[in-house]
Amino acid sequence: MEKNKNTFISASLVLAGLAALIGLDQWTKHLAVLFLKGKDPVILIPGVLQLQYLENRGAAFGMLQNKQWIFWILTAAFLVVAVIFYIKIPKTKRYVPLITTAVVLVAGAVGNFIDRLANQYVVDFVYFSLIDFPIFNTADIYVTLSVIVLLILIFFYYKEEDFKFIMKKKSGE
């Protein structure tokens, strides 16, 4: 009974985190459409950072323009893997950093997936003009930061034996 309660609480926290992060992403994109679309960029730090509306029909650096079906398939496959990973991962304190990082990564993928399904493009609006970096959005920040944290966790926090749960079958299978 206690295990079921902990599983329910863990799943509820994951879903609440996903909803909050996806909601923040969609809200910032909505604000970008309202206040930036069709207007001059908003300079936050001259020569460094600005807000500039862009409808991105590809991936980073303009790759795969107008190939939305590829993103749909990749995102769906990623989400299936993420759900399987979540089901298999032990729900202990040791794995909280990994679960949290995965939630942020999934939120980023879903945030941009929603745009692709609804609009056939992703709304981007943050531009680092100092280094002429591609314009990006909140979901992109989630993905980038979570991948960095994931790599740090894998190389410096977890050991190889911490990932044996991936190949282990659930009891009763």
Protein backbone atom coordinates (compact mmCIF):
# COMPACT_ATOMS: atom_id res chain seq x y z
CA MET A 1 0.00 0.00 0.00
CA GLU A 2 2.81 2.41 0.91
CA LYS A 3 4.61 1.68 -2.38
CA ASN A 4 1.43 2.49 -4.36
CA LYS A 5 1.04 5.73 -2.44
CA ASN A 6 4.67 6.72 -3.15
CA THR A 7 4.26 5.80 -6.82
CA PHE A 8 1.12 7.93 -7.03
CA ILE A 9 2.85 10.88 -5.34
CA SER A 10 5.90 10.54 -7.59
CA ALA A 11 3.78 10.36 -10.76
CA SER A 12 1.68 13.31 -9.59
CA LEU A 13 4.79 15.43 -9.00
CA VAL A 14 6.17 14.49 -12.42
CA LEU A 15 2.89 15.37 -14.15
CA ALA A 16 2.59 18.64 -12.21
CA GLY A 17 6.17 19.56 -13.12
CA LEU A 18 5.54 18.74 -16.77
CA ALA A 19 2.34 20.78 -16.80
CA ALA A 20 4.02 23.77 -15.16
CA LEU A 21 7.04 23.74 -17.48
CA ILE A 22 5.00 23.19 -20.64
CA GLY A 23 2.58 25.89 -19.49
CA LEU A 24 5.45 28.35 -18.97
CA ASP A 25 6.85 27.53 -22.41
CA GLN A 26 3.49 27.99 -24.13
CA TRP A 27 2.79 31.19 -22.19
CA THR A 28 6.14 32.76 -23.19
CA LYS A 29 5.50 31.81 -26.83
CA HIS A 30 2.02 33.34 -26.60
CA LEU A 31 3.55 36.55 -25.24
CA ALA A 32 6.06 36.51 -28.11
CA VAL A 33 3.22 36.29 -30.63
CA LEU A 34 1.28 39.07 -28.89
CA PHE A 35 4.11 41.52 -28.36
CA LEU A 36 6.83 40.67 -30.90
CA LYS A 37 5.18 39.36 -34.07
CA GLY A 38 5.37 41.92 -36.85
CA LYS A 39 7.35 44.35 -34.69
CA ASP A 40 10.96 45.43 -34.39
CA PRO A 41 13.11 43.45 -31.95
CA VAL A 42 13.10 44.48 -28.30
CA ILE A 43 16.68 45.21 -27.25
CA LEU A 44 17.32 43.98 -23.70
CA ILE A 45 21.10 44.41 -23.64
CA PRO A 46 22.40 46.37 -26.65
CA GLY A 47 24.66 44.26 -28.85
CA VAL A 48 24.11 41.20 -26.65
CA LEU A 49 20.51 40.10 -26.10
CA GLN A 50 17.20 40.87 -27.71
CA LEU A 51 13.71 39.50 -28.14
CA GLN A 52 12.87 38.90 -31.80
CA TYR A 53 9.95 36.94 -33.23
CA LEU A 54 10.69 34.05 -35.59
CA GLU A 55 8.57 31.22 -36.97
CA ASN A 56 10.99 28.30 -37.13
CA ARG A 57 9.90 25.58 -39.55
CA GLY A 58 13.05 23.54 -39.00
CA ALA A 59 15.43 22.60 -36.23
CA ALA A 60 18.39 24.45 -34.77
CA PHE A 61 20.50 26.34 -37.29
CA GLY A 62 17.72 26.07 -39.89
CA MET A 63 18.16 22.35 -40.49
CA LEU A 64 15.30 20.25 -41.88
CA GLN A 65 13.14 23.19 -42.93
CA ASN A 66 9.49 22.22 -43.53
CA LYS A 67 10.07 18.58 -42.57
CA GLN A 68 7.60 18.58 -39.67
CA TRP A 69 6.77 14.88 -40.03
CA ILE A 70 10.37 14.01 -39.04
CA PHE A 71 9.98 15.99 -35.80
CA TRP A 72 6.61 14.36 -35.09
CA ILE A 73 8.08 10.86 -35.46
CA LEU A 74 11.22 11.66 -33.45
CA THR A 75 9.27 13.33 -30.66
CA ALA A 76 6.73 10.49 -30.45
CA ALA A 77 9.55 7.93 -30.30
CA PHE A 78 11.36 9.99 -27.65
CA LEU A 79 8.20 10.23 -25.55
CA VAL A 80 7.66 6.45 -25.70
CA VAL A 81 11.27 5.91 -24.53
CA ALA A 82 10.81 8.52 -21.78
CA VAL A 83 7.67 6.79 -20.46
CA ILE A 84 9.40 3.39 -20.46
CA PHE A 85 12.40 4.96 -18.71
CA TYR A 86 10.13 6.51 -16.06
CA ILE A 87 8.33 3.21 -15.46
CA LYS A 88 11.62 1.35 -15.01
CA ILE A 89 13.59 3.88 -12.96
CA PRO A 90 13.65 3.21 -9.21
CA LYS A 91 11.63 5.84 -7.36
CA THR A 92 14.31 6.50 -4.74
CA LYS A 93 16.11 9.66 -3.66
CA ARG A 94 19.18 8.53 -5.59
CA TYR A 95 17.33 8.99 -8.88
CA VAL A 96 15.52 12.26 -8.14
CA PRO A 97 18.13 14.33 -10.06
CA LEU A 98 17.79 12.04 -13.08
CA ILE A 99 13.99 12.06 -12.98
CA THR A 100 13.92 15.84 -12.57
CA THR A 101 16.29 16.34 -15.49
CA ALA A 102 14.22 13.97 -17.63
CA VAL A 103 11.04 15.91 -16.77
CA VAL A 104 12.65 19.16 -17.96
CA LEU A 105 13.87 17.47 -21.16
CA VAL A 106 10.43 15.99 -21.88
CA ALA A 107 8.77 19.36 -21.20
CA GLY A 108 11.03 20.97 -23.80
CA ALA A 109 10.28 18.30 -26.37
CA VAL A 110 6.53 18.51 -25.74
CA GLY A 111 6.54 22.32 -25.76
CA ASN A 112 7.99 22.45 -29.25
CA PHE A 113 5.88 19.46 -30.36
CA ILE A 114 2.72 21.37 -29.44
CA ASP A 115 3.85 24.26 -31.65
CA ARG A 116 4.64 21.94 -34.55
CA LEU A 117 1.25 20.26 -34.32
CA ALA A 118 -0.75 23.46 -33.86
CA ASN A 119 1.15 25.82 -36.18
CA GLN A 120 3.46 23.76 -38.39
CA TYR A 121 6.32 25.85 -36.91
CA VAL A 122 7.91 26.65 -33.57
CA VAL A 123 7.77 30.17 -32.14
CA ASP A 124 11.28 31.37 -31.29
CA PHE A 125 12.03 34.73 -29.72
CA VAL A 126 15.31 34.91 -27.74
CA TYR A 127 18.34 36.07 -29.72
CA PHE A 128 21.93 36.42 -28.48
CA SER A 129 23.15 38.94 -31.02
CA LEU A 130 26.62 39.06 -29.43
CA ILE A 131 27.49 35.65 -30.87
CA ASP A 132 24.84 35.59 -33.61
CA PHE A 133 23.35 32.46 -32.05
CA PRO A 134 20.15 31.07 -33.62
CA ILE A 135 16.94 32.47 -32.18
CA PHE A 136 15.45 30.09 -29.61
CA ASN A 137 12.64 29.72 -27.06
CA THR A 138 11.91 28.49 -23.54
CA ALA A 139 11.52 24.85 -24.62
CA ASP A 140 14.92 25.02 -26.30
CA ILE A 141 16.40 26.28 -23.03
CA TYR A 142 14.83 23.30 -21.22
CA VAL A 143 16.31 20.86 -23.72
CA THR A 144 19.77 22.42 -23.76
CA LEU A 145 20.12 22.77 -20.00
CA SER A 146 18.69 19.33 -19.27
CA VAL A 147 21.09 17.66 -21.72
CA ILE A 148 24.02 19.46 -20.06
CA VAL A 149 22.83 18.42 -16.59
CA LEU A 150 22.17 14.88 -17.83
CA LEU A 151 25.75 14.59 -19.10
CA ILE A 152 27.10 15.92 -15.80
CA LEU A 153 24.98 13.42 -13.87
CA ILE A 154 26.05 10.51 -16.06
CA PHE A 155 29.75 11.34 -15.94
CA PHE A 156 30.11 12.60 -12.38
CA TYR A 157 27.20 11.49 -10.19
CA TYR A 158 25.96 8.09 -11.28
CA LYS A 159 27.99 4.94 -11.72
CA GLU A 160 27.49 2.28 -14.35
CA GLU A 161 25.66 0.01 -11.90
CA ASP A 162 23.12 2.78 -11.24
CA PHE A 163 21.76 2.16 -14.74
CA LYS A 164 21.19 -1.59 -14.47
CA PHE A 165 17.47 -0.87 -14.02
CA ILE A 166 17.29 -0.13 -17.75
CA MET A 167 17.87 -3.75 -18.74
CA LYS A 168 16.17 -5.29 -15.70
CA LYS A 169 12.68 -6.72 -16.19
CA LYS A 170 9.96 -5.71 -13.78
CA SER A 171 9.01 -8.39 -11.25
CA GLY A 172 6.23 -10.58 -12.56
CA GLU A 173 7.41 -10.43 -16.19
